[in-house]
C-alpha atoms as a PDB file:
ATOM      1  CA  MET A   1       8.600 -11.382  -1.965  1.00  0.00           C
ATOM      2  CA  LYS A   2      12.153 -11.451  -0.611  1.00  0.00           C
ATOM      3  CA  GLU A   3      11.381 -14.571   1.411  1.00  0.00           C
ATOM      4  CA  ILE A   4       9.262 -16.249  -1.247  1.00  0.00           C
ATOM      5  CA  TYR A   5      11.759 -15.815  -4.075  1.00  0.00           C
ATOM      6  CA  GLY A   6      14.872 -16.108  -1.895  1.00  0.00           C
ATOM      7  CA  ALA A   7      16.316 -12.731  -2.847  1.00  0.00           C
ATOM      8  CA  ASP A   8      19.839 -12.024  -1.693  1.00  0.00           C
ATOM      9  CA  GLY A   9      20.104  -9.836   1.407  1.00  0.00           C
ATOM     10  CA  LYS A  10      22.427  -7.369  -0.313  1.00  0.00           C
ATOM     11  CA  ILE A  11      20.127  -6.704  -3.262  1.00  0.00           C
ATOM     12  CA  PHE A  12      17.218  -6.358  -0.828  1.00  0.00           C
ATOM     13  CA  THR A  13      19.134  -3.671   1.079  1.00  0.00           C
ATOM     14  CA  VAL A  14      19.931  -1.853  -2.163  1.00  0.00           C
ATOM     15  CA  MET A  15      16.348  -1.906  -3.393  1.00  0.00           C
ATOM     16  CA  VAL A  16      14.942  -0.737  -0.033  1.00  0.00           C
ATOM     17  CA  THR A  17      17.354   2.201  -0.168  1.00  0.00           C
ATOM     18  CA  VAL A  18      16.435   3.027  -3.754  1.00  0.00           C
ATOM     19  CA  ASP A  19      12.752   2.753  -2.924  1.00  0.00           C
ATOM     20  CA  ILE A  20      13.018   5.155   0.012  1.00  0.00           C
ATOM     21  CA  VAL A  21      15.145   7.714  -1.812  1.00  0.00           C
ATOM     22  CA  VAL A  22      13.220   7.762  -5.099  1.00  0.00           C
ATOM     23  CA  ALA A  23       9.785   7.615  -3.443  1.00  0.00           C
ATOM     24  CA  ASN A  24      10.568  10.542  -1.154  1.00  0.00           C
ATOM     25  CA  LEU A  25      11.844  12.647  -4.038  1.00  0.00           C
ATOM     26  CA  TRP A  26       8.472  12.121  -5.690  1.00  0.00           C
ATOM     27  CA  MET A  27       6.703  12.878  -2.405  1.00  0.00           C
ATOM     28  CA  ALA A  28       8.303  16.322  -2.362  1.00  0.00           C
ATOM     29  CA  CYS A  29       6.773  16.945  -5.798  1.00  0.00           C
ATOM     30  CA  LEU A  30       3.369  15.745  -4.597  1.00  0.00           C
ATOM     31  CA  LEU A  31       3.459  18.097  -1.608  1.00  0.00           C
ATOM     32  CA  TYR A  32       4.148  20.943  -4.042  1.00  0.00           C
ATOM     33  CA  PHE A  33       1.108  19.891  -6.094  1.00  0.00           C
ATOM     34  CA  ALA A  34      -0.998  19.797  -2.933  1.00  0.00           C
ATOM     35  CA  ALA A  35       0.036  23.326  -2.010  1.00  0.00           C
ATOM     36  CA  ASN A  36      -0.915  24.582  -5.476  1.00  0.00           C
ATOM     37  CA  HIS A  37      -3.816  22.260  -6.305  1.00  0.00           C
ATOM     38  CA  LYS A  38      -6.369  25.013  -6.957  1.00  0.00           C
ATOM     39  CA  ARG A  39      -4.199  26.666  -9.588  1.00  0.00           C
ATOM     40  CA  ILE A  40      -3.281  23.319 -11.182  1.00  0.00           C
ATOM     41  CA  ASP A  41      -6.912  22.150 -11.335  1.00  0.00           C
ATOM     42  CA  ALA A  42      -8.062  25.480 -12.747  1.00  0.00           C
ATOM     43  CA  LYS A  43      -5.420  25.294 -15.469  1.00  0.00           C
ATOM     44  CA  SER A  44      -6.298  21.693 -16.403  1.00  0.00           C
ATOM     45  CA  GLY A  45     -10.046  22.310 -16.291  1.00  0.00           C
ATOM     46  CA  ALA A  46     -10.618  19.537 -13.760  1.00  0.00           C
ATOM     47  CA  ASP A  47     -13.963  19.306 -12.005  1.00  0.00           C
ATOM     48  CA  THR A  48     -13.291  19.396  -8.257  1.00  0.00           C
ATOM     49  CA  SER A  49     -16.927  19.380  -7.137  1.00  0.00           C
ATOM     50  CA  GLY A  50     -16.640  15.672  -6.372  1.00  0.00           C
ATOM     51  CA  ILE A  51     -13.811  16.340  -3.916  1.00  0.00           C
ATOM     52  CA  ASN A  52     -15.864  18.955  -2.086  1.00  0.00           C
ATOM     53  CA  LYS A  53     -18.718  16.460  -1.824  1.00  0.00           C
ATOM     54  CA  LEU A  54     -16.262  13.847  -0.565  1.00  0.00           C
ATOM     55  CA  ILE A  55     -15.015  16.219   2.150  1.00  0.00           C
ATOM     56  CA  ASP A  56     -18.599  16.891   3.267  1.00  0.00           C
ATOM     57  CA  LYS A  57     -19.386  13.172   3.221  1.00  0.00           C
ATOM     58  CA  VAL A  58     -16.322  12.224   5.278  1.00  0.00           C
ATOM     59  CA  GLU A  59     -16.992  14.955   7.834  1.00  0.00           C
ATOM     60  CA  ALA A  60     -20.652  13.918   8.083  1.00  0.00           C
ATOM     61  CA  PHE A  61     -19.679  10.262   8.535  1.00  0.00           C
ATOM     62  CA  GLU A  62     -17.226  11.115  11.299  1.00  0.00           C
ATOM     63  CA  ARG A  63     -19.798  13.242  13.109  1.00  0.00           C
ATOM     64  CA  ALA A  64     -22.467  10.538  12.834  1.00  0.00           C
ATOM     65  CA  HIS A  65     -20.368   7.498  13.731  1.00  0.00           C
ATOM     66  CA  ALA A  66     -17.446   8.686  15.805  1.00  0.00           C
ATOM     67  CA  ARG A  67     -17.576   7.640  19.435  1.00  0.00           C
ATOM     68  CA  ARG A  68     -15.132   7.374  22.259  1.00  0.00           C
ATOM     69  CA  PRO A  69     -13.405   3.993  21.979  1.00  0.00           C
ATOM     70  CA  GLU A  70     -13.419   1.675  24.959  1.00  0.00           C
ATOM     71  CA  LEU A  71     -11.040  -1.101  25.950  1.00  0.00           C
ATOM     72  CA  LYS A  72     -13.336  -3.735  24.449  1.00  0.00           C
ATOM     73  CA  ASP A  73     -13.176  -1.936  21.089  1.00  0.00           C
ATOM     74  CA  PHE A  74      -9.379  -2.080  20.981  1.00  0.00           C
ATOM     75  CA  MET A  75      -9.415  -5.710  22.119  1.00  0.00           C
ATOM     76  CA  PHE A  76     -11.892  -6.573  19.364  1.00  0.00           C
ATOM     77  CA  ILE A  77      -9.763  -4.791  16.739  1.00  0.00           C
ATOM     78  CA  LEU A  78      -6.666  -6.689  17.859  1.00  0.00           C
ATOM     79  CA  ALA A  79      -8.622  -9.948  18.013  1.00  0.00           C
ATOM     80  CA  ILE A  80      -9.748  -9.513  14.407  1.00  0.00           C
ATOM     81  CA  GLY A  81      -6.209  -8.757  13.232  1.00  0.00           C
ATOM     82  CA  PHE A  82      -4.412 -11.518  15.112  1.00  0.00           C
ATOM     83  CA  GLY A  83      -7.315 -13.921  14.537  1.00  0.00           C
ATOM     84  CA  ALA A  84      -7.094 -13.475  10.769  1.00  0.00           C
ATOM     85  CA  ALA A  85      -3.340 -14.052  10.966  1.00  0.00           C
ATOM     86  CA  GLY A  86      -3.917 -17.201  13.041  1.00  0.00           C
ATOM     87  CA  VAL A  87      -6.448 -18.568  10.552  1.00  0.00           C
ATOM     88  CA  ALA A  88      -4.013 -17.909   7.709  1.00  0.00           C
ATOM     89  CA  HIS A  89      -1.221 -19.746   9.556  1.00  0.00           C
ATOM     90  CA  LEU A  90      -3.515 -22.711  10.244  1.00  0.00           C
ATOM     91  CA  ALA A  91      -4.702 -22.884   6.634  1.00  0.00           C
ATOM     92  CA  ALA A  92      -1.119 -22.628   5.353  1.00  0.00           C
ATOM     93  CA  ASP A  93      -0.139 -25.623   7.502  1.00  0.00           C
ATOM     94  CA  PHE A  94      -2.624 -27.725   5.528  1.00  0.00           C
ATOM     95  CA  LEU A  95      -2.249 -26.145   2.085  1.00  0.00           C
ATOM     96  CA  VAL A  96       1.537 -26.412   1.807  1.00  0.00           C
ATOM     97  CA  PRO A  97       1.733 -30.207   2.421  1.00  0.00           C
ATOM     98  CA  PHE A  98      -1.288 -30.713   0.168  1.00  0.00           C
ATOM     99  CA  PHE A  99       0.332 -28.977  -2.793  1.00  0.00           C
ATOM    100  CA  LYS A 100       3.729 -30.560  -2.136  1.00  0.00           C
ATOM    101  CA  VAL A 101       2.256 -34.060  -2.230  1.00  0.00           C
ATOM    102  CA  ASN A 102      -0.349 -33.660  -4.974  1.00  0.00           C
ATOM    103  CA  TYR A 103       1.075 -30.883  -7.135  1.00  0.00           C
ATOM    104  CA  PRO A 104       4.891 -30.884  -6.869  1.00  0.00           C
ATOM    105  CA  ALA A 105       5.213 -29.052 -10.212  1.00  0.00           C
ATOM    106  CA  LEU A 106       3.518 -25.972  -8.727  1.00  0.00           C
ATOM    107  CA  GLU A 107       6.540 -25.184  -6.577  1.00  0.00           C
ATOM    108  CA  LYS A 108       7.666 -22.715  -9.250  1.00  0.00           C
ATOM    109  CA  PHE A 109       4.498 -20.706  -8.582  1.00  0.00           C
ATOM    110  CA  SER A 110       5.377 -20.340  -4.853  1.00  0.00           C
ATOM    111  CA  LEU A 111       2.498 -22.607  -3.832  1.00  0.00           C
ATOM    112  CA  HIS A 112       4.888 -24.640  -1.666  1.00  0.00           C
ATOM    113  CA  SER A 113       5.785 -21.568   0.377  1.00  0.00           C
ATOM    114  CA  LYS A 114       4.037 -21.180   3.711  1.00  0.00           C
ATOM    115  CA  LEU A 115       4.709 -17.445   3.781  1.00  0.00           C
ATOM    116  CA  PHE A 116       3.065 -17.063   0.359  1.00  0.00           C
ATOM    117  CA  TRP A 117      -0.162 -18.602   1.608  1.00  0.00           C
ATOM    118  CA  ILE A 118      -0.121 -16.632   4.865  1.00  0.00           C
ATOM    119  CA  ILE A 119       0.222 -13.273   3.120  1.00  0.00           C
ATOM    120  CA  VAL A 120      -2.321 -14.062   0.403  1.00  0.00           C
ATOM    121  CA  LEU A 121      -4.856 -15.447   2.879  1.00  0.00           C
ATOM    122  CA  VAL A 122      -4.501 -12.566   5.348  1.00  0.00           C
ATOM    123  CA  THR A 123      -4.922 -10.054   2.533  1.00  0.00           C
ATOM    124  CA  THR A 124      -7.968 -11.872   1.182  1.00  0.00           C
ATOM    125  CA  ILE A 125      -9.556 -12.186   4.639  1.00  0.00           C
ATOM    126  CA  GLY A 126      -9.061  -8.466   5.202  1.00  0.00           C
ATOM    127  CA  LEU A 127     -10.710  -7.610   1.903  1.00  0.00           C
ATOM    128  CA  LEU A 128     -13.664  -9.904   2.615  1.00  0.00           C
ATOM    129  CA  LEU A 129     -14.162  -8.469   6.110  1.00  0.00           C
ATOM    130  CA  SER A 130     -14.360  -4.973   4.614  1.00  0.00           C
ATOM    131  CA  PHE A 131     -17.741  -5.988   3.140  1.00  0.00           C
ATOM    132  CA  THR A 132     -19.115  -7.016   6.548  1.00  0.00           C
ATOM    133  CA  LYS A 133     -20.117  -5.177   9.710  1.00  0.00           C
ATOM    134  CA  VAL A 134     -16.497  -5.433  10.844  1.00  0.00           C
ATOM    135  CA  ARG A 135     -15.844  -2.274   8.802  1.00  0.00           C
ATOM    136  CA  GLN A 136     -17.841  -0.368  11.427  1.00  0.00           C
ATOM    137  CA  LEU A 137     -14.796  -0.650  13.705  1.00  0.00           C
ATOM    138  CA  GLU A 138     -13.471   2.345  11.784  1.00  0.00           C
ATOM    139  CA  ALA A 139     -15.746   4.463  13.999  1.00  0.00           C
ATOM    140  CA  VAL A 140     -13.552   3.613  16.995  1.00  0.00           C
ATOM    141  CA  GLY A 141     -10.236   4.085  15.221  1.00  0.00           C
ATOM    142  CA  ALA A 142      -9.522   0.761  13.510  1.00  0.00           C
ATOM    143  CA  SER A 143      -7.466   2.458  10.797  1.00  0.00           C
ATOM    144  CA  LYS A 144      -5.391   4.255  13.443  1.00  0.00           C
ATOM    145  CA  VAL A 145      -4.581   0.963  15.167  1.00  0.00           C
ATOM    146  CA  GLY A 146      -3.777  -0.617  11.816  1.00  0.00           C
ATOM    147  CA  SER A 147      -1.613   2.351  10.823  1.00  0.00           C
ATOM    148  CA  SER A 148       0.415   2.018  14.021  1.00  0.00           C
ATOM    149  CA  PHE A 149       1.283  -1.570  13.080  1.00  0.00           C
ATOM    150  CA  LEU A 150       2.062  -0.469   9.523  1.00  0.00           C
ATOM    151  CA  TYR A 151       4.501   2.118  10.873  1.00  0.00           C
ATOM    152  CA  ILE A 152       6.219  -0.648  12.822  1.00  0.00           C
ATOM    153  CA  LEU A 153       6.415  -2.694   9.602  1.00  0.00           C
ATOM    154  CA  VAL A 154       7.782   0.255   7.622  1.00  0.00           C
ATOM    155  CA  ALA A 155      10.345   0.963  10.341  1.00  0.00           C
ATOM    156  CA  THR A 156      11.407  -2.686  10.332  1.00  0.00           C
ATOM    157  CA  ILE A 157      11.930  -2.610   6.572  1.00  0.00           C
ATOM    158  CA  GLY A 158      13.704   0.739   6.870  1.00  0.00           C
ATOM    159  CA  LEU A 159      16.265  -0.832   9.174  1.00  0.00           C
ATOM    160  CA  HIS A 160      17.625  -2.627   6.099  1.00  0.00           C
ATOM    161  CA  MET A 161      18.388   0.705   4.442  1.00  0.00           C
ATOM    162  CA  ASP A 162      22.037   1.511   3.777  1.00  0.00           C
ATOM    163  CA  ILE A 163      22.497   4.839   1.987  1.00  0.00           C
ATOM    164  CA  THR A 164      26.073   3.934   1.025  1.00  0.00           C
ATOM    165  CA  GLN A 165      24.698   1.247  -1.292  1.00  0.00           C
ATOM    166  CA  ILE A 166      23.616   3.991  -3.696  1.00  0.00           C
ATOM    167  CA  VAL A 167      27.243   4.916  -4.280  1.00  0.00           C
ATOM    168  CA  GLU A 168      28.267   1.276  -4.688  1.00  0.00           C
ATOM    169  CA  ALA A 169      25.400   0.386  -7.027  1.00  0.00           C
ATOM    170  CA  PRO A 170      24.248   3.557  -8.864  1.00  0.00           C
ATOM    171  CA  LYS A 171      22.646   1.508 -11.641  1.00  0.00           C
ATOM    172  CA  TYR A 172      19.835   0.534  -9.304  1.00  0.00           C
ATOM    173  CA  VAL A 173      19.105   4.202  -8.626  1.00  0.00           C
ATOM    174  CA  VAL A 174      18.858   4.742 -12.376  1.00  0.00           C
ATOM    175  CA  ILE A 175      16.465   1.787 -12.619  1.00  0.00           C
ATOM    176  CA  GLY A 176      14.371   3.258  -9.810  1.00  0.00           C
ATOM    177  CA  LEU A 177      14.262   6.650 -11.520  1.00  0.00           C
ATOM    178  CA  ILE A 178      13.195   5.027 -14.801  1.00  0.00           C
ATOM    179  CA  TRP A 179      10.400   3.146 -13.026  1.00  0.00           C
ATOM    180  CA  MET A 180       9.252   6.360 -11.395  1.00  0.00           C
ATOM    181  CA  ALA A 181       9.445   8.280 -14.679  1.00  0.00           C
ATOM    182  CA  VAL A 182       7.193   5.706 -16.364  1.00  0.00           C
ATOM    183  CA  HIS A 183       4.754   5.871 -13.448  1.00  0.00           C
ATOM    184  CA  VAL A 184       4.626   9.681 -13.502  1.00  0.00           C
ATOM    185  CA  ALA A 185       4.285   9.832 -17.292  1.00  0.00           C
ATOM    186  CA  LEU A 186       1.342   7.410 -17.310  1.00  0.00           C
ATOM    187  CA  LEU A 187      -0.184   9.234 -14.348  1.00  0.00           C
ATOM    188  CA  PHE A 188      -0.243  12.602 -16.087  1.00  0.00           C
ATOM    189  CA  ILE A 189      -1.216  11.230 -19.509  1.00  0.00           C
ATOM    190  CA  VAL A 190      -4.271   9.477 -18.083  1.00  0.00           C
ATOM    191  CA  GLY A 191      -4.998  12.362 -15.709  1.00  0.00           C
ATOM    192  CA  ARG A 192      -4.951  14.888 -18.523  1.00  0.00           C
ATOM    193  CA  ALA A 193      -7.061  12.666 -20.761  1.00  0.00           C
ATOM    194  CA  ILE A 194      -9.849  12.360 -18.183  1.00  0.00           C
ATOM    195  CA  LYS A 195      -9.235  15.808 -16.611  1.00  0.00           C
ATOM    196  CA  ALA A 196      -8.860  14.298 -13.161  1.00  0.00           C
ATOM    197  CA  PRO A 197      -8.246  16.624 -10.195  1.00  0.00           C
ATOM    198  CA  ILE A 198      -4.657  16.586  -8.993  1.00  0.00           C
ATOM    199  CA  PHE A 199      -5.892  15.235  -5.630  1.00  0.00           C
ATOM    200  CA  TYR A 200      -6.795  11.869  -7.141  1.00  0.00           C
ATOM    201  CA  LEU A 201      -3.537  11.656  -9.041  1.00  0.00           C
ATOM    202  CA  ALA A 202      -1.384  12.591  -6.061  1.00  0.00           C
ATOM    203  CA  VAL A 203      -3.075  10.437  -3.422  1.00  0.00           C
ATOM    204  CA  GLY A 204      -3.562   7.487  -5.796  1.00  0.00           C
ATOM    205  CA  SER A 205       0.113   7.638  -6.751  1.00  0.00           C
ATOM    206  CA  LYS A 206       1.372   7.826  -3.185  1.00  0.00           C
ATOM    207  CA  ALA A 207      -1.030   5.132  -2.013  1.00  0.00           C
ATOM    208  CA  ASN A 208       0.671   2.713  -4.404  1.00  0.00           C
ATOM    209  CA  ILE A 209       4.231   3.933  -3.897  1.00  0.00           C
ATOM    210  CA  GLY A 210       4.394   4.970  -0.263  1.00  0.00           C
ATOM    211  CA  GLY A 211       1.419   3.169   1.245  1.00  0.00           C
ATOM    212  CA  ALA A 212      -0.224   4.019   4.555  1.00  0.00           C
ATOM    213  CA  ALA A 213       2.937   5.667   5.876  1.00  0.00           C
ATOM    214  CA  SER A 214       2.701   8.617   3.483  1.00  0.00           C
ATOM    215  CA  ALA A 215      -0.577   8.599   1.508  1.00  0.00           C
ATOM    216  CA  PRO A 216      -2.545  10.117   4.439  1.00  0.00           C
ATOM    217  CA  VAL A 217       0.077  12.873   4.667  1.00  0.00           C
ATOM    218  CA  ILE A 218      -0.489  13.786   1.018  1.00  0.00           C
ATOM    219  CA  ALA A 219      -4.285  13.563   1.398  1.00  0.00           C
ATOM    220  CA  SER A 220      -4.319  15.781   4.493  1.00  0.00           C
ATOM    221  CA  ALA A 221      -2.150  18.325   2.664  1.00  0.00           C
ATOM    222  CA  PHE A 222      -5.161  18.907   0.412  1.00  0.00           C
ATOM    223  CA  HIS A 223      -7.632  18.952   3.316  1.00  0.00           C
ATOM    224  CA  PRO A 224      -7.371  17.531   6.870  1.00  0.00           C
ATOM    225  CA  SER A 225     -10.662  15.654   6.467  1.00  0.00           C
ATOM    226  CA  LEU A 226      -9.270  13.690   3.531  1.00  0.00           C
ATOM    227  CA  ALA A 227      -6.630  11.817   5.557  1.00  0.00           C
ATOM    228  CA  PRO A 228      -8.883   8.723   5.972  1.00  0.00           C
ATOM    229  CA  VAL A 229      -9.236   8.595   2.185  1.00  0.00           C
ATOM    230  CA  GLY A 230      -5.451   8.346   1.944  1.00  0.00           C
ATOM    231  CA  VAL A 231      -5.439   5.498   4.459  1.00  0.00           C
ATOM    232  CA  LEU A 232      -8.132   3.543   2.613  1.00  0.00           C
ATOM    233  CA  LEU A 233      -6.450   3.990  -0.759  1.00  0.00           C
ATOM    234  CA  ALA A 234      -3.130   2.941   0.766  1.00  0.00           C
ATOM    235  CA  VAL A 235      -4.650  -0.234   2.204  1.00  0.00           C
ATOM    236  CA  LEU A 236      -6.125  -0.979  -1.222  1.00  0.00           C
ATOM    237  CA  GLY A 237      -2.679  -0.366  -2.702  1.00  0.00           C
ATOM    238  CA  TYR A 238      -1.135  -2.821  -0.239  1.00  0.00           C
ATOM    239  CA  ALA A 239      -3.736  -5.467  -1.102  1.00  0.00           C
ATOM    240  CA  LEU A 240      -3.319  -5.004  -4.845  1.00  0.00           C
ATOM    241  CA  GLY A 241       0.458  -4.924  -4.445  1.00  0.00           C
ATOM    242  CA  THR A 242       0.460  -8.289  -2.699  1.00  0.00           C
ATOM    243  CA  TYR A 243      -1.072 -10.010  -5.701  1.00  0.00           C
ATOM    244  CA  MET A 244       0.708  -7.971  -8.366  1.00  0.00           C
ATOM    245  CA  ALA A 245       4.142  -8.393  -6.772  1.00  0.00           C
ATOM    246  CA  TRP A 246       3.739 -12.160  -6.952  1.00  0.00           C
ATOM    247  CA  MET A 247       2.653 -11.889 -10.589  1.00  0.00           C
ATOM    248  CA  CYS A 248       5.653  -9.678 -11.400  1.00  0.00           C
ATOM    249  CA  GLY A 249       7.932 -12.229  -9.750  1.00  0.00           C
ATOM    250  CA  GLN A 250       6.421 -14.982 -11.893  1.00  0.00           C
ATOM    251  CA  LEU A 251       6.903 -12.916 -15.066  1.00  0.00           C
ATOM    252  CA  LEU A 252      10.539 -12.268 -14.171  1.00  0.00           C
ATOM    253  CA  ARG A 253      11.021 -15.977 -13.426  1.00  0.00           C
ATOM    254  CA  ILE A 254       9.672 -16.840 -16.884  1.00  0.00           C
ATOM    255  CA  ILE A 255      11.926 -14.223 -18.522  1.00  0.00           C
ATOM    256  CA  GLY A 256      14.953 -15.498 -16.639  1.00  0.00           C
ATOM    257  CA  SER A 257      14.332 -19.175 -17.421  1.00  0.00           C
END
């Protein structure tokens, strides 16, 4: 979004810092909920039988499908990842000139941005492949390979963090806290209305806020076997976030025009 909308480097640094600080404050709360989930669920009257069934199902799946990965498995995983990225780059090379020539007015919707098409196409390809036999690569650790690349991405973004920016621009911290307060309020209102177990609230929240870097940590705090659930929800959060972030940018563009 920074590249697509041409955000200033300084504001990007500030928002990365705010994101890391505010998100990790909330993570501390989620870890507390995980440590006391039985008492919280008992008090709210939530039905946790589904979670127990999920634990049994995940453990059964791992026992039935897990196998020792070989070199060809890792090469195939990497080939799928880099291949999808290559296809997206190739398609973007054709789509950008096409829209520039035939639909110049659509520039305001980022359709003239090569990076926009690459990210959208890669995300879409990944979602489509999850409905094919490619998903069976999870048995040889596809999510672990993907998570390692995500950690590299998160570390790269984290390099833009400058904690001193909080002192220089405290208003952005306040904005971040307001965003988080709205998120938490809606989370608990809906959770209480449907009597959802705290596991779903905690992992679903962190999957959207922290992504694959922290959602598995929260999930495994409830039960070690639930870590893959955190990874899958985080990937879904990344995919949804790709589309929604663009939509939010368009809404802000309309408001600002």
